N, C-alpha and C. Protein backbone atom coordinates (compact mmCIF):
# COMPACT_ATOMS: atom_id res chain seq x y z
N UNK A 1 -13.67 -25.90 22.57
CA UNK A 1 -14.32 -25.36 23.69
C UNK A 1 -13.58 -23.98 24.15
N UNK A 2 -14.31 -22.95 24.42
CA UNK A 2 -13.53 -21.73 24.86
C UNK A 2 -12.97 -20.88 23.76
N UNK A 3 -13.04 -21.28 22.48
CA UNK A 3 -12.36 -20.57 21.45
C UNK A 3 -13.28 -19.54 21.05
N UNK A 4 -12.86 -18.26 21.11
CA UNK A 4 -13.66 -17.16 21.11
C UNK A 4 -14.01 -16.90 19.42
N UNK A 5 -15.12 -16.30 19.27
CA UNK A 5 -15.56 -16.02 18.00
C UNK A 5 -15.09 -14.57 17.64
N UNK A 6 -14.87 -14.14 16.32
CA UNK A 6 -14.51 -12.83 15.89
C UNK A 6 -15.40 -12.66 14.63
N UNK A 7 -16.13 -11.58 14.63
CA UNK A 7 -16.91 -11.16 13.49
C UNK A 7 -16.11 -11.16 12.16
N UNK A 8 -16.61 -11.80 11.09
CA UNK A 8 -15.92 -11.64 9.77
C UNK A 8 -16.75 -10.75 9.01
N UNK A 9 -17.73 -10.05 9.46
CA UNK A 9 -18.72 -9.18 8.80
C UNK A 9 -17.95 -7.83 8.73
N UNK A 10 -16.71 -7.75 8.20
CA UNK A 10 -16.07 -6.53 8.07
C UNK A 10 -15.44 -6.52 6.65
N UNK A 11 -14.92 -5.39 6.22
CA UNK A 11 -14.54 -4.99 4.91
C UNK A 11 -13.32 -5.88 4.50
N UNK A 12 -12.38 -6.31 5.56
CA UNK A 12 -11.15 -6.89 5.12
C UNK A 12 -11.45 -8.26 4.75
N UNK A 13 -12.52 -8.95 5.11
CA UNK A 13 -12.60 -10.46 4.70
C UNK A 13 -13.19 -10.47 3.26
N UNK A 14 -13.07 -11.77 2.73
CA UNK A 14 -13.63 -11.94 1.51
C UNK A 14 -15.15 -12.08 1.51
N UNK A 15 -15.83 -12.13 0.44
CA UNK A 15 -17.24 -12.07 0.42
C UNK A 15 -17.95 -13.43 1.22
N UNK A 16 -17.34 -14.58 1.00
CA UNK A 16 -17.86 -15.68 1.69
C UNK A 16 -17.75 -15.60 3.22
N UNK A 17 -16.52 -15.11 3.64
CA UNK A 17 -16.12 -14.97 4.89
C UNK A 17 -16.92 -13.97 5.61
N UNK A 18 -17.36 -12.96 4.99
CA UNK A 18 -18.21 -12.03 5.62
C UNK A 18 -19.62 -12.33 5.98
N UNK A 19 -19.92 -13.48 5.38
CA UNK A 19 -21.35 -13.96 5.68
C UNK A 19 -21.41 -14.82 6.87
N UNK A 20 -20.51 -14.99 7.66
CA UNK A 20 -20.44 -15.89 8.83
C UNK A 20 -19.43 -15.54 9.92
N UNK A 21 -19.51 -16.09 11.05
CA UNK A 21 -18.52 -15.76 12.04
C UNK A 21 -17.37 -16.83 11.89
N UNK A 22 -16.19 -16.28 12.15
CA UNK A 22 -14.93 -17.08 12.06
C UNK A 22 -14.29 -17.30 13.44
N UNK A 23 -13.96 -18.52 13.71
CA UNK A 23 -13.16 -18.83 14.88
C UNK A 23 -11.60 -18.42 14.60
N UNK A 24 -10.89 -18.41 15.71
CA UNK A 24 -9.60 -17.98 15.62
C UNK A 24 -8.70 -18.76 14.48
N UNK A 25 -9.07 -20.02 14.42
CA UNK A 25 -8.39 -20.84 13.52
C UNK A 25 -8.74 -20.28 12.03
N UNK A 26 -10.06 -20.04 11.80
CA UNK A 26 -10.42 -19.45 10.60
C UNK A 26 -9.80 -18.17 10.09
N UNK A 27 -9.65 -17.32 11.14
CA UNK A 27 -8.87 -16.00 10.93
C UNK A 27 -7.54 -16.32 10.44
N UNK A 28 -6.86 -17.30 11.02
CA UNK A 28 -5.50 -17.69 10.72
C UNK A 28 -5.29 -18.17 9.37
N UNK A 29 -6.42 -19.00 8.99
CA UNK A 29 -6.25 -19.54 7.60
C UNK A 29 -6.55 -18.49 6.68
N UNK A 30 -7.45 -17.49 6.87
CA UNK A 30 -7.80 -16.41 5.96
C UNK A 30 -6.44 -15.53 5.90
N UNK A 31 -5.71 -15.30 6.89
CA UNK A 31 -4.53 -14.49 6.85
C UNK A 31 -3.42 -15.29 6.08
N UNK A 32 -3.40 -16.48 6.11
CA UNK A 32 -2.47 -17.29 5.31
C UNK A 32 -2.78 -17.16 3.85
N UNK A 33 -4.01 -17.08 3.54
CA UNK A 33 -4.44 -16.96 2.16
C UNK A 33 -4.08 -15.53 1.60
N UNK A 34 -4.25 -14.58 2.44
CA UNK A 34 -3.96 -13.30 2.08
C UNK A 34 -2.38 -13.16 1.83
N UNK A 35 -1.72 -13.71 2.74
CA UNK A 35 -0.27 -13.70 2.46
C UNK A 35 0.19 -14.41 1.22
N UNK A 36 -0.34 -15.49 1.04
CA UNK A 36 -0.20 -16.37 -0.25
C UNK A 36 -0.50 -15.45 -1.49
N UNK A 37 -1.59 -14.64 -1.42
CA UNK A 37 -1.90 -13.90 -2.43
C UNK A 37 -1.02 -12.83 -2.83
N UNK A 38 -0.48 -12.16 -1.66
CA UNK A 38 0.57 -11.10 -1.93
C UNK A 38 1.83 -11.84 -2.61
N UNK A 39 2.21 -12.88 -2.14
CA UNK A 39 3.36 -13.56 -2.69
C UNK A 39 3.28 -13.89 -4.26
N UNK A 40 2.06 -14.56 -4.41
CA UNK A 40 1.84 -14.87 -5.81
C UNK A 40 1.68 -13.72 -6.74
N UNK A 41 0.82 -12.82 -6.35
CA UNK A 41 0.67 -11.60 -7.26
C UNK A 41 2.02 -10.88 -7.48
N UNK A 42 2.91 -10.92 -6.52
CA UNK A 42 4.14 -10.27 -6.72
C UNK A 42 4.99 -11.05 -7.67
N UNK A 43 5.07 -12.29 -7.57
CA UNK A 43 5.85 -13.13 -8.45
C UNK A 43 5.41 -13.21 -9.76
N UNK A 44 4.00 -13.36 -9.98
CA UNK A 44 3.42 -13.62 -11.36
C UNK A 44 2.67 -12.45 -11.95
N UNK A 45 2.44 -11.44 -11.23
CA UNK A 45 1.58 -10.43 -11.67
C UNK A 45 0.07 -10.86 -11.47
N UNK A 46 -0.81 -9.97 -11.11
CA UNK A 46 -2.06 -10.08 -10.99
C UNK A 46 -2.89 -10.92 -12.12
N UNK A 47 -2.69 -10.52 -13.28
CA UNK A 47 -3.48 -11.22 -14.35
C UNK A 47 -3.06 -12.57 -14.52
N UNK A 48 -1.73 -12.84 -14.44
CA UNK A 48 -1.28 -14.16 -14.70
C UNK A 48 -1.43 -15.16 -13.43
N UNK A 49 -1.89 -14.63 -12.47
CA UNK A 49 -2.07 -15.44 -11.10
C UNK A 49 -3.27 -16.17 -11.25
N UNK A 50 -3.37 -17.48 -10.65
CA UNK A 50 -4.57 -18.32 -10.68
C UNK A 50 -4.90 -18.74 -9.18
N UNK A 51 -6.08 -19.12 -8.95
CA UNK A 51 -6.30 -19.53 -7.60
C UNK A 51 -5.45 -20.72 -7.36
N UNK A 52 -5.18 -21.60 -8.29
CA UNK A 52 -4.36 -22.77 -8.03
C UNK A 52 -3.07 -22.26 -7.53
N UNK A 53 -2.44 -21.18 -7.98
CA UNK A 53 -1.11 -20.74 -7.51
C UNK A 53 -1.27 -20.29 -5.99
N UNK A 54 -2.32 -19.69 -5.76
CA UNK A 54 -2.61 -19.10 -4.25
C UNK A 54 -2.69 -20.31 -3.39
N UNK A 55 -3.57 -21.29 -3.82
CA UNK A 55 -3.80 -22.45 -2.97
C UNK A 55 -2.48 -23.21 -2.77
N UNK A 56 -1.65 -23.35 -3.79
CA UNK A 56 -0.40 -24.05 -3.63
C UNK A 56 0.55 -23.25 -2.66
N UNK A 57 0.62 -22.16 -2.80
CA UNK A 57 1.51 -21.24 -2.00
C UNK A 57 1.10 -21.21 -0.52
N UNK A 58 -0.28 -21.38 -0.39
CA UNK A 58 -0.69 -21.44 1.03
C UNK A 58 -0.75 -22.68 1.72
N UNK A 59 -0.54 -23.68 0.79
CA UNK A 59 -0.49 -25.18 1.16
C UNK A 59 -1.80 -25.54 1.77
N UNK A 60 -2.86 -25.21 1.10
CA UNK A 60 -4.27 -25.62 1.46
C UNK A 60 -5.02 -26.07 0.29
N UNK A 61 -6.35 -26.15 0.33
CA UNK A 61 -7.10 -26.79 -0.79
C UNK A 61 -7.99 -25.72 -1.44
N UNK A 62 -8.44 -26.02 -2.66
CA UNK A 62 -9.48 -25.13 -3.29
C UNK A 62 -10.58 -24.93 -2.48
N UNK A 63 -11.23 -25.96 -1.89
CA UNK A 63 -12.38 -25.93 -1.04
C UNK A 63 -12.15 -24.96 0.08
N UNK A 64 -11.02 -24.94 0.70
CA UNK A 64 -10.74 -23.96 1.70
C UNK A 64 -10.63 -22.56 1.30
N UNK A 65 -10.03 -22.42 0.16
CA UNK A 65 -9.88 -21.05 -0.54
C UNK A 65 -11.38 -20.43 -0.67
N UNK A 66 -12.31 -21.26 -1.31
CA UNK A 66 -13.70 -20.80 -1.64
C UNK A 66 -14.48 -20.56 -0.32
N UNK A 67 -14.02 -21.10 0.83
CA UNK A 67 -14.66 -20.91 2.04
C UNK A 67 -14.53 -19.36 2.47
N UNK A 68 -13.46 -18.81 1.92
CA UNK A 68 -13.11 -17.38 2.41
C UNK A 68 -13.15 -16.37 1.19
N UNK A 69 -12.99 -16.71 0.03
CA UNK A 69 -12.98 -15.88 -1.10
C UNK A 69 -13.73 -16.56 -2.24
N UNK A 70 -14.53 -15.67 -3.01
CA UNK A 70 -15.15 -15.98 -4.15
C UNK A 70 -14.36 -16.46 -5.35
N UNK A 71 -13.28 -15.60 -5.57
CA UNK A 71 -12.43 -15.86 -6.64
C UNK A 71 -11.22 -14.98 -6.31
N UNK A 72 -10.24 -14.80 -7.37
CA UNK A 72 -9.04 -14.11 -7.10
C UNK A 72 -9.47 -12.69 -7.01
N UNK A 73 -10.33 -12.15 -7.57
CA UNK A 73 -10.74 -10.73 -7.56
C UNK A 73 -11.25 -10.38 -6.19
N UNK A 74 -11.89 -11.29 -5.51
CA UNK A 74 -12.34 -11.07 -4.13
C UNK A 74 -11.09 -11.12 -3.19
N UNK A 75 -10.23 -11.92 -3.45
CA UNK A 75 -9.00 -11.97 -2.72
C UNK A 75 -8.23 -10.57 -2.96
N UNK A 76 -7.90 -10.07 -4.09
CA UNK A 76 -7.45 -8.77 -4.30
C UNK A 76 -8.17 -7.67 -3.63
N UNK A 77 -9.59 -7.85 -3.60
CA UNK A 77 -10.37 -6.81 -2.93
C UNK A 77 -10.00 -6.66 -1.44
N UNK A 78 -9.89 -7.86 -0.94
CA UNK A 78 -9.63 -7.87 0.65
C UNK A 78 -8.31 -7.34 0.88
N UNK A 79 -7.24 -7.64 0.06
CA UNK A 79 -5.87 -7.07 0.15
C UNK A 79 -5.98 -5.59 -0.06
N UNK A 80 -6.85 -5.07 -1.03
CA UNK A 80 -6.85 -3.67 -1.32
C UNK A 80 -7.39 -2.93 -0.05
N UNK A 81 -8.38 -3.49 0.64
CA UNK A 81 -8.98 -2.91 1.83
C UNK A 81 -7.84 -2.78 2.85
N UNK A 82 -7.09 -3.91 3.05
CA UNK A 82 -6.00 -3.78 4.10
C UNK A 82 -5.00 -2.71 3.70
N UNK A 83 -4.59 -2.78 2.38
CA UNK A 83 -3.60 -1.80 1.93
C UNK A 83 -4.19 -0.42 2.06
N UNK A 84 -5.26 -0.08 1.73
CA UNK A 84 -5.91 1.21 1.84
C UNK A 84 -5.89 1.83 3.38
N UNK A 85 -6.21 0.89 4.18
CA UNK A 85 -6.17 1.21 5.68
C UNK A 85 -4.83 1.53 6.08
N UNK A 86 -3.72 0.76 5.62
CA UNK A 86 -2.43 1.17 6.11
C UNK A 86 -1.97 2.39 5.49
N UNK A 87 -2.21 2.74 4.29
CA UNK A 87 -1.97 3.98 3.70
C UNK A 87 -2.55 5.14 4.46
N UNK A 88 -3.91 4.91 4.70
CA UNK A 88 -4.64 5.96 5.36
C UNK A 88 -3.92 6.23 6.76
N UNK A 89 -3.59 5.27 7.48
CA UNK A 89 -2.82 5.43 8.79
C UNK A 89 -1.58 6.19 8.42
N UNK A 90 -0.92 5.85 7.40
CA UNK A 90 0.31 6.45 7.08
C UNK A 90 0.26 7.95 6.84
N UNK A 91 -0.78 8.33 6.08
CA UNK A 91 -1.08 9.70 5.90
C UNK A 91 -1.33 10.51 7.16
N UNK A 92 -1.85 9.91 8.10
CA UNK A 92 -2.16 10.54 9.46
C UNK A 92 -0.89 10.73 10.26
N UNK A 93 0.25 9.98 9.87
CA UNK A 93 1.45 10.09 10.63
C UNK A 93 2.49 11.25 10.14
N UNK A 94 2.14 11.78 8.94
CA UNK A 94 3.02 12.73 8.38
C UNK A 94 2.95 14.02 9.05
N UNK A 95 4.09 14.34 9.88
CA UNK A 95 4.11 15.69 10.66
C UNK A 95 4.57 16.85 9.86
N UNK A 96 4.75 18.02 10.34
CA UNK A 96 5.30 19.12 9.68
C UNK A 96 6.61 18.79 9.01
N UNK A 97 6.77 19.18 7.77
CA UNK A 97 8.06 18.91 7.06
C UNK A 97 8.59 20.43 6.81
N UNK A 98 9.29 20.81 7.75
CA UNK A 98 9.88 22.25 7.59
C UNK A 98 11.21 22.04 6.71
N UNK A 99 11.70 23.26 6.36
CA UNK A 99 12.81 23.32 5.53
C UNK A 99 14.23 23.09 6.11
N UNK A 100 14.16 22.72 7.54
CA UNK A 100 15.43 22.52 8.27
C UNK A 100 15.67 21.07 8.51
N UNK A 101 16.60 20.79 9.39
CA UNK A 101 16.98 19.37 9.60
C UNK A 101 15.79 18.53 10.14
N UNK A 102 15.20 19.15 11.04
CA UNK A 102 14.04 18.51 11.70
C UNK A 102 13.04 18.08 10.71
N UNK A 103 12.80 19.02 9.76
CA UNK A 103 11.78 18.72 8.69
C UNK A 103 12.34 17.56 7.69
N UNK A 104 13.59 17.48 7.51
CA UNK A 104 14.05 16.43 6.67
C UNK A 104 13.99 15.15 7.31
N UNK A 105 14.24 15.07 8.81
CA UNK A 105 14.13 13.86 9.52
C UNK A 105 12.65 13.43 9.53
N UNK A 106 11.71 14.33 9.55
CA UNK A 106 10.35 13.94 9.52
C UNK A 106 10.04 13.32 8.15
N UNK A 107 10.57 14.03 7.15
CA UNK A 107 10.26 13.41 5.64
C UNK A 107 10.77 12.11 5.58
N UNK A 108 12.07 11.96 6.05
CA UNK A 108 12.89 10.73 5.85
C UNK A 108 11.97 9.57 6.57
N UNK A 109 11.54 9.79 7.80
CA UNK A 109 10.74 8.84 8.46
C UNK A 109 9.44 8.32 7.81
N UNK A 110 8.84 9.37 7.17
CA UNK A 110 7.64 9.04 6.31
C UNK A 110 8.12 8.21 5.15
N UNK A 111 9.08 8.51 4.40
CA UNK A 111 9.55 7.83 3.32
C UNK A 111 9.84 6.37 3.51
N UNK A 112 10.53 6.20 4.72
CA UNK A 112 10.84 4.83 5.24
C UNK A 112 9.60 4.05 5.45
N UNK A 113 8.52 4.55 6.09
CA UNK A 113 7.28 3.97 6.29
C UNK A 113 6.71 3.60 4.89
N UNK A 114 6.63 4.63 3.99
CA UNK A 114 6.07 4.43 2.74
C UNK A 114 6.72 3.25 1.97
N UNK A 115 7.95 3.17 2.09
CA UNK A 115 8.66 2.06 1.41
C UNK A 115 8.44 0.76 1.98
N UNK A 116 8.23 0.69 3.26
CA UNK A 116 7.99 -0.42 3.97
C UNK A 116 6.64 -0.94 3.55
N UNK A 117 5.69 -0.11 3.50
CA UNK A 117 4.29 -0.41 3.11
C UNK A 117 4.20 -0.76 1.67
N UNK A 118 5.06 -0.17 0.82
CA UNK A 118 5.08 -0.68 -0.65
C UNK A 118 5.71 -2.06 -0.72
N UNK A 119 6.65 -2.34 -0.01
CA UNK A 119 7.20 -3.61 0.02
C UNK A 119 6.21 -4.76 0.22
N UNK A 120 5.34 -4.46 1.27
CA UNK A 120 4.35 -5.47 1.52
C UNK A 120 3.28 -5.47 0.66
N UNK A 121 2.73 -4.29 0.19
CA UNK A 121 1.54 -4.37 -0.66
C UNK A 121 1.71 -3.87 -2.07
N UNK A 122 3.02 -3.93 -2.37
CA UNK A 122 3.45 -3.61 -3.89
C UNK A 122 2.45 -4.12 -4.87
N UNK A 123 2.18 -5.46 -4.93
CA UNK A 123 1.25 -6.04 -6.08
C UNK A 123 -0.12 -5.37 -6.02
N UNK A 124 -0.69 -4.96 -4.85
CA UNK A 124 -1.85 -4.31 -4.82
C UNK A 124 -1.83 -2.83 -5.42
N UNK A 125 -0.77 -2.16 -4.99
CA UNK A 125 -0.59 -0.79 -5.35
C UNK A 125 -0.29 -0.67 -6.91
N UNK A 126 0.48 -1.62 -7.35
CA UNK A 126 0.65 -1.76 -8.90
C UNK A 126 -0.66 -2.03 -9.69
N UNK A 127 -1.48 -2.93 -9.08
CA UNK A 127 -2.75 -3.16 -9.69
C UNK A 127 -3.56 -2.00 -9.89
N UNK A 128 -3.48 -1.10 -8.88
CA UNK A 128 -4.22 0.19 -8.89
C UNK A 128 -3.47 1.13 -10.01
N UNK A 129 -2.21 1.30 -9.81
CA UNK A 129 -1.59 2.18 -10.63
C UNK A 129 -1.50 1.87 -12.14
N UNK A 130 -1.52 0.66 -12.39
CA UNK A 130 -1.43 0.23 -13.85
C UNK A 130 -2.69 -0.14 -14.44
N UNK A 131 -3.88 -0.02 -13.53
CA UNK A 131 -5.16 -0.30 -14.12
C UNK A 131 -5.32 -1.67 -14.54
N UNK A 132 -4.85 -2.58 -13.77
CA UNK A 132 -4.84 -3.93 -14.11
C UNK A 132 -6.16 -4.58 -13.71
N UNK A 133 -7.03 -4.00 -12.90
CA UNK A 133 -8.13 -4.78 -12.35
C UNK A 133 -9.50 -4.30 -13.05
N UNK A 134 -9.81 -2.96 -13.19
CA UNK A 134 -10.86 -2.68 -13.94
C UNK A 134 -12.17 -2.71 -13.15
N UNK A 135 -12.11 -2.85 -11.79
CA UNK A 135 -13.30 -3.01 -10.83
C UNK A 135 -13.26 -1.66 -10.10
N UNK A 136 -14.40 -1.08 -10.28
CA UNK A 136 -14.48 0.34 -9.66
C UNK A 136 -14.27 0.35 -8.22
N UNK A 137 -14.81 -0.58 -7.43
CA UNK A 137 -14.70 -0.76 -5.96
C UNK A 137 -13.25 -0.63 -5.57
N UNK A 138 -12.46 -1.54 -6.20
CA UNK A 138 -11.00 -1.68 -5.90
C UNK A 138 -10.23 -0.35 -6.35
N UNK A 139 -10.65 0.13 -7.50
CA UNK A 139 -9.92 1.42 -7.90
C UNK A 139 -10.24 2.53 -6.97
N UNK A 140 -11.47 2.70 -6.51
CA UNK A 140 -11.79 3.66 -5.59
C UNK A 140 -11.01 3.65 -4.34
N UNK A 141 -10.71 2.37 -3.86
CA UNK A 141 -9.91 2.35 -2.61
C UNK A 141 -8.54 2.94 -2.95
N UNK A 142 -7.93 2.63 -3.97
CA UNK A 142 -6.64 3.10 -4.28
C UNK A 142 -6.53 4.57 -4.49
N UNK A 143 -7.51 5.14 -5.03
CA UNK A 143 -7.58 6.49 -5.37
C UNK A 143 -7.85 7.36 -4.10
N UNK A 144 -8.67 6.79 -3.08
CA UNK A 144 -8.97 7.43 -1.87
C UNK A 144 -7.61 7.40 -1.05
N UNK A 145 -6.90 6.23 -1.02
CA UNK A 145 -5.77 6.02 -0.10
C UNK A 145 -4.65 6.98 -0.55
N UNK A 146 -4.38 7.04 -1.83
CA UNK A 146 -3.23 7.91 -2.32
C UNK A 146 -3.67 9.29 -2.27
N UNK A 147 -4.90 9.55 -2.30
CA UNK A 147 -5.30 10.97 -2.30
C UNK A 147 -5.09 11.63 -0.76
N UNK A 148 -5.33 10.64 0.20
CA UNK A 148 -5.10 10.98 1.48
C UNK A 148 -3.61 11.38 1.81
N UNK A 149 -2.72 10.55 1.28
CA UNK A 149 -1.31 10.95 1.37
C UNK A 149 -0.95 12.16 0.51
N UNK A 150 -1.41 12.33 -0.69
CA UNK A 150 -1.00 13.40 -1.32
C UNK A 150 -1.63 14.71 -0.76
N UNK A 151 -2.87 14.63 -0.27
CA UNK A 151 -3.40 15.90 0.33
C UNK A 151 -2.53 16.29 1.67
N UNK A 152 -2.17 15.29 2.43
CA UNK A 152 -1.37 15.66 3.53
C UNK A 152 0.01 16.15 3.06
N UNK A 153 0.54 15.55 2.18
CA UNK A 153 1.89 16.31 1.65
C UNK A 153 1.73 17.54 1.01
N UNK A 154 0.70 17.77 0.29
CA UNK A 154 0.40 19.08 -0.30
C UNK A 154 0.20 20.17 0.79
N UNK A 155 -0.48 19.85 1.90
CA UNK A 155 -0.51 20.66 3.13
C UNK A 155 0.79 21.01 3.70
N UNK A 156 1.69 19.93 3.77
CA UNK A 156 2.95 20.29 4.35
C UNK A 156 3.74 21.07 3.43
N UNK A 157 3.72 20.97 2.15
CA UNK A 157 4.31 21.84 1.20
C UNK A 157 3.95 23.33 1.48
N UNK A 158 2.65 23.55 1.60
CA UNK A 158 2.09 24.94 1.64
C UNK A 158 2.62 25.49 3.09
N UNK A 159 2.73 24.68 4.06
CA UNK A 159 2.99 25.19 5.48
C UNK A 159 4.59 25.48 5.31
N UNK A 160 5.38 24.73 4.47
CA UNK A 160 6.81 25.09 4.33
C UNK A 160 7.03 26.24 3.41
N UNK A 161 5.96 26.78 2.90
CA UNK A 161 6.19 27.96 2.02
C UNK A 161 6.86 27.58 0.67
N UNK A 162 6.39 26.38 0.16
CA UNK A 162 7.01 25.90 -1.06
C UNK A 162 6.60 26.78 -2.22
N UNK A 163 7.74 27.26 -3.06
CA UNK A 163 7.45 28.15 -4.17
C UNK A 163 7.24 27.36 -5.38
N UNK A 164 6.45 26.26 -5.35
CA UNK A 164 6.44 25.64 -6.70
C UNK A 164 5.20 26.05 -7.57
N UNK A 165 4.56 27.15 -6.96
CA UNK A 165 3.18 27.54 -7.29
C UNK A 165 2.62 27.59 -8.61
N UNK A 166 3.08 27.04 -9.61
CA UNK A 166 2.36 27.06 -10.83
C UNK A 166 1.00 26.26 -10.60
N UNK A 167 1.24 25.15 -9.99
CA UNK A 167 0.03 24.36 -9.66
C UNK A 167 0.46 23.42 -8.61
N UNK A 168 -0.38 23.63 -7.36
CA UNK A 168 -0.09 22.64 -6.25
C UNK A 168 -0.52 21.31 -6.67
N UNK A 169 -1.63 21.17 -7.37
CA UNK A 169 -1.96 19.81 -7.79
C UNK A 169 -1.04 19.07 -8.68
N UNK A 170 -0.43 19.73 -9.58
CA UNK A 170 0.59 19.14 -10.40
C UNK A 170 1.89 18.82 -9.60
N UNK A 171 2.29 19.63 -8.49
CA UNK A 171 3.38 19.39 -7.65
C UNK A 171 3.03 18.01 -6.98
N UNK A 172 1.96 18.00 -6.40
CA UNK A 172 1.59 16.73 -5.59
C UNK A 172 1.55 15.50 -6.46
N UNK A 173 0.90 15.69 -7.68
CA UNK A 173 0.86 14.56 -8.52
C UNK A 173 2.20 14.05 -8.96
N UNK A 174 3.07 14.92 -9.23
CA UNK A 174 4.44 14.64 -9.70
C UNK A 174 5.26 13.90 -8.52
N UNK A 175 4.99 14.48 -7.22
CA UNK A 175 5.59 13.81 -6.21
C UNK A 175 5.15 12.39 -5.83
N UNK A 176 3.82 12.22 -5.82
CA UNK A 176 3.27 10.89 -5.57
C UNK A 176 3.61 9.94 -6.71
N UNK A 177 3.71 10.35 -7.94
CA UNK A 177 4.27 9.47 -8.94
C UNK A 177 5.63 9.12 -8.87
N UNK A 178 6.62 10.12 -8.30
CA UNK A 178 7.91 9.80 -8.22
C UNK A 178 8.03 8.65 -7.09
N UNK A 179 7.28 8.80 -5.82
CA UNK A 179 7.45 8.06 -4.76
C UNK A 179 7.01 6.74 -5.21
N UNK A 180 5.97 6.53 -5.85
CA UNK A 180 5.37 5.12 -6.18
C UNK A 180 6.33 4.46 -7.16
N UNK A 181 6.81 5.22 -8.13
CA UNK A 181 7.64 4.44 -9.14
C UNK A 181 9.05 4.13 -8.63
N UNK A 182 9.63 5.05 -7.77
CA UNK A 182 10.87 4.67 -7.29
C UNK A 182 10.79 3.63 -6.15
N UNK A 183 9.62 3.48 -5.37
CA UNK A 183 9.42 2.48 -4.36
C UNK A 183 9.28 1.22 -5.23
N UNK A 184 8.68 1.04 -6.23
CA UNK A 184 8.45 0.00 -7.15
C UNK A 184 9.83 -0.50 -7.58
N UNK A 185 10.68 0.42 -8.09
CA UNK A 185 12.03 0.06 -8.49
C UNK A 185 12.83 -0.53 -7.28
N UNK A 186 12.74 0.01 -6.18
CA UNK A 186 13.54 -0.53 -5.05
C UNK A 186 12.93 -1.83 -4.61
N UNK A 187 11.60 -1.96 -4.45
CA UNK A 187 11.00 -3.15 -3.87
C UNK A 187 11.24 -4.34 -4.82
N UNK A 188 11.22 -4.08 -6.11
CA UNK A 188 11.31 -5.01 -7.12
C UNK A 188 12.75 -5.43 -7.41
N UNK A 189 13.67 -4.59 -6.88
CA UNK A 189 15.14 -4.77 -6.99
C UNK A 189 15.66 -4.38 -8.36
N UNK A 190 14.91 -3.71 -9.02
CA UNK A 190 15.35 -3.03 -10.32
C UNK A 190 16.48 -1.98 -9.94
N UNK A 191 16.30 -1.41 -8.78
CA UNK A 191 17.38 -0.53 -8.27
C UNK A 191 17.93 -1.27 -6.98
N UNK A 192 19.16 -1.77 -7.06
CA UNK A 192 19.83 -2.36 -5.93
C UNK A 192 20.70 -1.55 -5.16
N UNK A 193 20.05 -0.87 -4.18
CA UNK A 193 20.88 -0.03 -3.27
C UNK A 193 20.33 -0.28 -1.83
N UNK A 194 21.23 -0.05 -0.81
CA UNK A 194 20.79 -0.35 0.48
C UNK A 194 19.85 0.71 0.92
N UNK A 195 18.99 0.35 1.87
CA UNK A 195 17.97 1.33 2.29
C UNK A 195 18.31 2.65 2.86
N UNK A 196 19.41 2.66 3.56
CA UNK A 196 19.93 3.96 4.13
C UNK A 196 20.22 4.93 2.91
N UNK A 197 20.88 4.34 1.99
CA UNK A 197 21.31 5.18 0.82
C UNK A 197 20.09 5.70 0.09
N UNK A 198 19.08 4.72 -0.14
CA UNK A 198 17.76 5.12 -0.76
C UNK A 198 17.05 6.22 -0.06
N UNK A 199 17.04 6.12 1.30
CA UNK A 199 16.29 7.00 1.91
C UNK A 199 16.94 8.47 2.07
N UNK A 200 18.25 8.30 2.29
CA UNK A 200 19.02 9.61 2.24
C UNK A 200 19.00 10.31 0.85
N UNK A 201 19.04 9.61 -0.07
CA UNK A 201 19.03 10.22 -1.44
C UNK A 201 17.65 10.85 -1.74
N UNK A 202 16.62 10.00 -1.42
CA UNK A 202 15.23 10.40 -1.80
C UNK A 202 14.88 11.63 -1.02
N UNK A 203 15.22 11.46 0.26
CA UNK A 203 14.83 12.64 1.26
C UNK A 203 15.61 13.92 0.85
N UNK A 204 16.70 13.77 0.33
CA UNK A 204 17.45 15.12 -0.19
C UNK A 204 16.76 15.60 -1.30
N UNK A 205 16.39 14.81 -2.30
CA UNK A 205 15.70 15.20 -3.50
C UNK A 205 14.36 15.86 -3.22
N UNK A 206 13.59 15.22 -2.49
CA UNK A 206 12.13 15.65 -2.21
C UNK A 206 12.24 16.79 -1.19
N UNK A 207 13.05 16.92 -0.29
CA UNK A 207 13.23 18.07 0.70
C UNK A 207 13.56 19.26 -0.14
N UNK A 208 14.54 19.19 -0.97
CA UNK A 208 15.03 20.39 -1.63
C UNK A 208 14.01 20.83 -2.91
N UNK A 209 13.48 19.73 -3.49
CA UNK A 209 12.56 19.91 -4.60
C UNK A 209 11.28 20.47 -4.32
N UNK A 210 10.80 20.00 -3.08
CA UNK A 210 9.33 20.33 -2.85
C UNK A 210 9.14 21.06 -1.39
N UNK A 211 10.14 21.07 -0.62
CA UNK A 211 9.85 21.80 0.66
C UNK A 211 10.93 22.77 0.97
N UNK A 212 11.48 23.53 0.02
CA UNK A 212 12.29 24.71 0.01
C UNK A 212 13.47 24.56 0.92
N UNK A 213 14.01 23.34 1.12
CA UNK A 213 15.29 23.19 1.82
C UNK A 213 16.47 23.66 0.96
N UNK A 214 17.43 24.25 1.67
CA UNK A 214 18.56 24.78 0.98
C UNK A 214 19.90 24.25 1.56
N UNK A 215 19.94 23.02 2.07
CA UNK A 215 21.18 22.51 2.70
C UNK A 215 21.28 21.03 2.19
């Protein structure tokens, strides 16, 4: 009694969940399944993961899983929507990256937020980048999200008077590829360095290489 309803008819829910209203407890269960999906996809990789693994990690039943998601692709789709929304918000936070110390601080702040987002949603981002899914809807979400960040960084490069100018598009592509792969190496602990050193080093490389910094 008194438990409020919240619409599940939104993009972040799985297909079955979008077809009905969910109580607070249902939203909590769906959230637990999403977290389990991230954990399992990170540990086993998307293709090797099974619904069995997700159910076990979430400590729930197959019947419960199928109340919220049609299959593991549906689970990945819901995670991709969440990830894309977080990356779009992240793009909106990138302020001017000037060639001075203030610009470096802004860049470092963005890189820290990007790394934090990658740590959480790395399995989804890798599925996008490594073409593991082959589903257009999910792929489009990834392209749109990374394009938003790339476009904003490209604008900041031009504002900083970056002299990369053989091709702005190639420069942005190179920067995004570097950020994604380096974040993967850090998040997966292939590069074992503390975050302060990671961010200081990456900020220096990107600031000097892409934003005309000379210090």
